[in-house]
Amino acid sequence: MESVPVLIVGAGPAGLATAPCLGQFSIPYAIVERESCSASLWRNRAYDRLKLHLAKEFCKSYSGKNVLVVGSGNSGMEIAYDLATHGANTSIVIRSPIHVMTKKLIRLGMTLAHHLPLNLVDKLLVMAAYLIFGDLSRHGITRPKMGPMTLKSETGRSAVIDVGTVGLIKKGIIKVQGSISKIKGNIVKFQCCKRISFDAIVFATGYKSTANIWLKNGESMLNGNGLPIQKYPNHRKGENGLYCAGLARRGLAGIAADAKNIANDIKSVIDSMSS
């Protein structure tokens, strides 16, 4: 039986990012993955725009039908846009306040964050977004009290990068609905007591980590939701050589940072054992 100092569980983005970081230090590792391919979530379960920046083909089959998208993160907003532009009568549930930005604004914010306090960067971004999109509250989109950069830093929640969805909402092509109180069959009852029949419902509500279910003796690192107990940046290390990468909800940049820091820490441990 082969023996390696590091076992990586999962060949998703976090596992694949950690592997080359270990390789840079010539640290042997093995990757185990329950699916038949790497990055199975993106390969098999993601919408096409995520991978190819193309409209999803299945949207064409919903032309003229009533479709509800639940969730207003980047995936939900993009799916709603694809459905609407392919002729579906599209509605979207926006359950909580969101920041709507452009790619250029996000890049600007990331650049300014290296030179200015986050609260100042947030004020500039919010003002710029208002000039671009106007007052979106009249369309059912409200902003969080916390600024976009601070929100990302403290909670991991990203701003929505608009791909044209906001324009369709303003025109009434995509309808914004309130929170759902009940779903029975194809009838959706909203908290405002409105009832609407939909031909299809797309849940774009994110995912839940299951690491706490299969991981034994990981209580010191993960909570009941499978997320790190410690806050960033102290979230990644547990006891007995246990690490987690990509569970801090900080996107691909957070995964990259986790991978590098974990590899550096493991190298330090190995060096101390050999000295």
Protein backbone atom coordinates (compact mmCIF):
# COMPACT_ATOMS: atom_id res chain seq x y z
CA MET A 1 0.00 0.00 0.00
CA GLU A 2 1.35 3.39 -1.03
CA SER A 3 2.07 5.83 1.79
CA VAL A 4 1.91 9.60 1.30
CA PRO A 5 2.08 12.41 3.85
CA VAL A 6 -0.99 14.24 2.49
CA LEU A 7 -4.43 12.97 1.48
CA ILE A 8 -6.66 15.40 -0.44
CA VAL A 9 -10.35 14.53 -0.21
CA GLY A 10 -12.18 15.85 -3.26
CA ALA A 11 -11.02 16.73 -6.78
CA GLY A 12 -13.01 19.93 -6.97
CA PRO A 13 -11.52 23.42 -7.40
CA ALA A 14 -10.13 23.47 -3.83
CA GLY A 15 -8.53 20.03 -4.05
CA LEU A 16 -7.10 20.71 -7.50
CA ALA A 17 -5.68 24.04 -6.31
CA THR A 18 -4.05 22.50 -3.24
CA ALA A 19 -2.35 19.70 -5.21
CA PRO A 20 0.04 21.87 -7.29
CA CYS A 21 0.83 24.02 -4.25
CA LEU A 22 2.04 20.87 -2.49
CA GLY A 23 3.84 19.84 -5.68
CA GLN A 24 5.86 23.06 -5.65
CA PHE A 25 7.42 21.83 -2.41
CA SER A 26 7.80 18.26 -3.73
CA ILE A 27 5.39 17.03 -1.07
CA PRO A 28 3.78 13.73 -2.20
CA TYR A 29 0.00 13.57 -2.08
CA ALA A 30 -2.96 11.48 -3.16
CA ILE A 31 -6.39 12.73 -4.25
CA VAL A 32 -9.57 10.73 -3.67
CA GLU A 33 -12.79 11.65 -5.50
CA ARG A 34 -16.11 9.80 -5.33
CA GLU A 35 -17.20 10.91 -8.80
CA SER A 36 -15.77 9.60 -12.07
CA CYS A 37 -14.10 12.88 -13.01
CA SER A 38 -12.47 15.93 -11.52
CA ALA A 39 -14.49 19.10 -10.84
CA SER A 40 -17.69 17.08 -11.25
CA LEU A 41 -19.90 19.90 -9.97
CA TRP A 42 -18.81 22.21 -12.78
CA ARG A 43 -18.60 19.48 -15.43
CA ASN A 44 -21.91 17.75 -14.75
CA ARG A 45 -24.14 19.97 -12.65
CA ALA A 46 -23.40 23.55 -13.62
CA TYR A 47 -25.27 25.70 -16.11
CA ASP A 48 -23.48 26.25 -19.42
CA ARG A 49 -22.84 29.97 -18.93
CA LEU A 50 -20.61 29.13 -15.96
CA LYS A 51 -18.32 27.09 -18.21
CA LEU A 52 -18.72 28.50 -21.69
CA HIS A 53 -20.31 31.95 -21.29
CA LEU A 54 -23.03 30.78 -23.66
CA ALA A 55 -26.79 30.69 -23.19
CA LYS A 56 -28.01 27.38 -21.82
CA GLU A 57 -29.59 25.18 -24.47
CA PHE A 58 -32.41 23.94 -22.25
CA CYS A 59 -33.71 27.51 -22.01
CA LYS A 60 -34.98 27.16 -25.61
CA SER A 61 -37.43 24.43 -24.50
CA TYR A 62 -39.10 26.85 -22.02
CA SER A 63 -40.02 29.49 -24.56
CA GLY A 64 -43.50 30.81 -23.76
CA LYS A 65 -43.66 28.98 -20.42
CA ASN A 66 -43.76 30.43 -16.92
CA VAL A 67 -40.49 29.82 -15.08
CA LEU A 68 -39.54 30.91 -11.57
CA VAL A 69 -35.91 31.31 -10.48
CA VAL A 70 -35.44 31.18 -6.71
CA GLY A 71 -32.23 32.93 -5.66
CA SER A 72 -30.60 36.16 -6.77
CA GLY A 73 -26.90 35.44 -6.56
CA ASN A 74 -24.77 35.47 -9.70
CA SER A 75 -26.04 32.08 -10.86
CA GLY A 76 -29.72 32.91 -10.28
CA MET A 77 -29.49 36.28 -12.02
CA GLU A 78 -27.64 34.80 -15.01
CA ILE A 79 -30.08 31.89 -15.34
CA ALA A 80 -33.00 34.33 -15.24
CA TYR A 81 -31.35 36.36 -17.99
CA ASP A 82 -30.81 33.28 -20.17
CA LEU A 83 -34.40 32.12 -19.70
CA ALA A 84 -35.85 35.54 -20.49
CA THR A 85 -33.73 36.04 -23.60
CA HIS A 86 -34.89 32.64 -24.87
CA GLY A 87 -38.56 33.55 -24.59
CA ALA A 88 -39.54 32.22 -21.16
CA ASN A 89 -41.93 34.24 -19.01
CA THR A 90 -39.39 34.64 -16.25
CA SER A 91 -39.83 35.60 -12.61
CA ILE A 92 -37.12 35.72 -9.94
CA VAL A 93 -37.34 35.61 -6.17
CA ILE A 94 -34.99 38.11 -4.53
CA ARG A 95 -35.03 37.10 -0.88
CA SER A 96 -32.38 39.38 0.59
CA PRO A 97 -30.55 42.64 -0.19
CA ILE A 98 -27.82 42.43 -2.85
CA HIS A 99 -25.19 44.68 -4.34
CA VAL A 100 -25.37 44.89 -8.13
CA MET A 101 -22.09 45.80 -9.79
CA THR A 102 -20.34 45.63 -13.15
CA LYS A 103 -17.11 43.73 -13.81
CA LYS A 104 -15.26 47.02 -14.14
CA LEU A 105 -16.50 48.20 -10.74
CA ILE A 106 -15.42 44.95 -9.08
CA ARG A 107 -11.96 45.23 -10.64
CA LEU A 108 -11.76 48.86 -9.54
CA GLY A 109 -12.75 47.92 -6.00
CA MET A 110 -10.13 45.17 -5.80
CA THR A 111 -7.47 47.59 -7.01
CA LEU A 112 -8.46 50.41 -4.67
CA ALA A 113 -8.64 48.03 -1.71
CA HIS A 114 -4.85 47.76 -1.82
CA HIS A 115 -4.49 51.49 -1.26
CA LEU A 116 -7.59 52.75 0.56
CA PRO A 117 -9.69 51.72 3.58
CA LEU A 118 -12.52 49.32 2.67
CA ASN A 119 -15.23 51.65 3.95
CA LEU A 120 -14.02 54.37 1.57
CA VAL A 121 -13.83 51.93 -1.34
CA ASP A 122 -17.35 50.77 -0.53
CA LYS A 123 -18.70 54.33 -0.64
CA LEU A 124 -17.12 54.92 -4.04
CA LEU A 125 -18.48 51.65 -5.45
CA VAL A 126 -22.00 52.23 -4.14
CA MET A 127 -22.07 55.75 -5.62
CA ALA A 128 -20.78 54.48 -8.97
CA ALA A 129 -23.33 51.64 -8.99
CA TYR A 130 -26.13 54.13 -8.29
CA LEU A 131 -25.03 56.28 -11.22
CA ILE A 132 -25.01 53.22 -13.51
CA PHE A 133 -28.16 51.38 -12.37
CA GLY A 134 -30.16 54.08 -10.61
CA ASP A 135 -32.50 53.41 -7.68
CA LEU A 136 -33.26 49.68 -7.90
CA SER A 137 -35.43 49.59 -4.78
CA ARG A 138 -38.47 50.48 -6.89
CA HIS A 139 -37.83 47.26 -8.80
CA GLY A 140 -37.57 45.07 -5.71
CA ILE A 141 -33.78 45.15 -5.37
CA THR A 142 -32.39 46.67 -2.18
CA ARG A 143 -28.77 47.09 -1.09
CA PRO A 144 -27.26 45.58 2.10
CA LYS A 145 -26.27 48.02 4.83
CA MET A 146 -22.74 46.68 4.62
CA GLY A 147 -20.70 47.80 1.59
CA PRO A 148 -19.77 45.30 -1.15
CA MET A 149 -16.08 44.94 -0.28
CA THR A 150 -16.69 44.75 3.47
CA LEU A 151 -19.54 42.28 2.93
CA LYS A 152 -17.25 40.03 0.91
CA SER A 153 -14.46 40.33 3.47
CA GLU A 154 -16.58 39.61 6.54
CA THR A 155 -19.21 37.19 5.25
CA GLY A 156 -17.91 35.84 1.94
CA ARG A 157 -21.03 37.05 0.11
CA SER A 158 -20.20 38.42 -3.32
CA ALA A 159 -21.81 41.26 -5.19
CA VAL A 160 -23.88 40.33 -8.24
CA ILE A 161 -22.12 41.10 -11.51
CA ASP A 162 -24.85 42.21 -13.89
CA VAL A 163 -24.95 40.49 -17.30
CA GLY A 164 -28.05 42.37 -18.46
CA THR A 165 -30.57 41.03 -15.96
CA VAL A 166 -31.17 44.41 -14.32
CA GLY A 167 -32.11 45.95 -17.66
CA LEU A 168 -34.70 43.22 -18.26
CA ILE A 169 -36.08 43.71 -14.73
CA LYS A 170 -36.45 47.44 -15.34
CA LYS A 171 -38.33 46.74 -18.58
CA GLY A 172 -40.64 44.30 -16.80
CA ILE A 173 -39.44 41.39 -18.93
CA ILE A 174 -38.18 39.67 -15.78
CA LYS A 175 -40.59 40.03 -12.86
CA VAL A 176 -39.31 40.27 -9.29
CA GLN A 177 -41.34 38.29 -6.76
CA GLY A 178 -41.28 38.38 -2.97
CA SER A 179 -40.49 35.56 -0.56
CA ILE A 180 -42.22 32.21 -1.00
CA SER A 181 -44.49 30.91 1.75
CA LYS A 182 -45.58 27.62 0.15
CA ILE A 183 -45.14 25.49 -2.97
CA LYS A 184 -47.80 22.92 -3.82
CA GLY A 185 -47.49 21.21 -7.16
CA ASN A 186 -47.02 23.91 -9.76
CA ILE A 187 -48.67 26.59 -7.61
CA VAL A 188 -46.40 28.97 -5.72
CA LYS A 189 -47.87 31.03 -2.90
CA PHE A 190 -45.91 34.13 -1.98
CA GLN A 191 -45.92 35.87 1.39
CA CYS A 192 -47.97 38.67 -0.08
CA CYS A 193 -50.70 36.00 -0.56
CA LYS A 194 -50.30 36.10 -4.36
CA ARG A 195 -50.56 32.68 -6.07
CA ILE A 196 -48.93 31.97 -9.45
CA SER A 197 -48.74 28.80 -11.53
CA PHE A 198 -45.30 27.94 -12.96
CA ASP A 199 -44.27 25.34 -15.51
CA ALA A 200 -40.81 25.05 -13.95
CA ILE A 201 -38.94 26.24 -10.85
CA VAL A 202 -35.16 26.66 -10.79
CA PHE A 203 -33.56 26.69 -7.34
CA ALA A 204 -30.37 28.76 -7.38
CA THR A 205 -30.07 28.90 -3.61
CA GLY A 206 -26.49 27.71 -3.21
CA TYR A 207 -25.30 24.51 -1.60
CA LYS A 208 -24.53 23.11 1.80
CA SER A 209 -21.27 21.50 2.84
CA THR A 210 -21.57 17.86 3.90
CA ALA A 211 -18.04 17.52 5.25
CA ASN A 212 -19.29 17.39 8.83
CA ILE A 213 -21.39 14.32 7.96
CA TRP A 214 -18.62 12.03 6.69
CA LEU A 215 -15.66 13.54 8.53
CA LYS A 216 -15.07 11.91 11.90
CA ASN A 217 -13.45 13.78 14.79
CA GLY A 218 -13.58 17.07 12.91
CA GLU A 219 -15.70 18.85 15.48
CA SER A 220 -12.86 21.17 16.42
CA MET A 221 -12.77 22.63 12.90
CA LEU A 222 -16.29 22.38 11.42
CA ASN A 223 -19.69 23.29 12.82
CA GLY A 224 -23.00 21.52 12.29
CA ASN A 225 -23.36 23.10 8.84
CA GLY A 226 -20.02 21.75 7.67
CA LEU A 227 -18.42 25.21 7.75
CA PRO A 228 -15.33 26.37 9.64
CA ILE A 229 -15.84 27.33 13.28
CA GLN A 230 -12.97 29.79 13.30
CA LYS A 231 -13.28 33.02 11.33
CA TYR A 232 -11.09 33.88 8.36
CA PRO A 233 -8.11 33.68 8.15
CA ASN A 234 -7.85 31.14 11.01
CA HIS A 235 -10.52 28.85 9.56
CA ARG A 236 -8.36 26.49 7.55
CA LYS A 237 -6.53 24.49 10.23
CA GLY A 238 -7.91 21.90 12.62
CA GLU A 239 -6.34 19.35 14.92
CA ASN A 240 -4.26 16.28 14.06
CA GLY A 241 -3.11 17.54 10.67
CA LEU A 242 -6.61 18.35 9.41
CA TYR A 243 -7.13 21.25 7.00
CA CYS A 244 -10.01 22.61 4.94
CA ALA A 245 -9.73 24.57 1.70
CA GLY A 246 -12.48 26.58 0.06
CA LEU A 247 -15.01 26.41 2.89
CA ALA A 248 -14.72 30.06 3.91
CA ARG A 249 -17.09 31.16 1.13
CA ARG A 250 -14.57 33.57 -0.34
CA GLY A 251 -14.75 32.43 -3.97
CA LEU A 252 -11.90 31.28 -6.20
CA ALA A 253 -9.53 33.85 -4.72
CA GLY A 254 -10.22 32.39 -1.27
CA ILE A 255 -9.57 28.87 -2.56
CA ALA A 256 -6.23 29.97 -4.01
CA ALA A 257 -5.21 31.63 -0.74
CA ASP A 258 -6.25 28.55 1.28
CA ALA A 259 -4.29 26.22 -1.00
CA LYS A 260 -1.09 28.26 -0.74
CA ASN A 261 -1.31 28.71 3.03
CA ILE A 262 -2.11 25.04 3.66
CA ALA A 263 0.84 23.92 1.53
CA ASN A 264 3.15 26.36 3.34
CA ASP A 265 1.97 25.11 6.72
CA ILE A 266 2.39 21.43 5.78
CA LYS A 267 5.90 22.18 4.50
CA SER A 268 6.76 23.83 7.82
CA VAL A 269 5.48 20.81 9.74
CA ILE A 270 7.44 18.37 7.57
CA ASP A 271 10.61 20.51 7.84
CA SER A 272 10.32 20.63 11.63
CA MET A 273 9.93 16.84 11.80
CA SER A 274 13.04 16.25 9.70
CA SER A 275 15.26 18.76 11.48
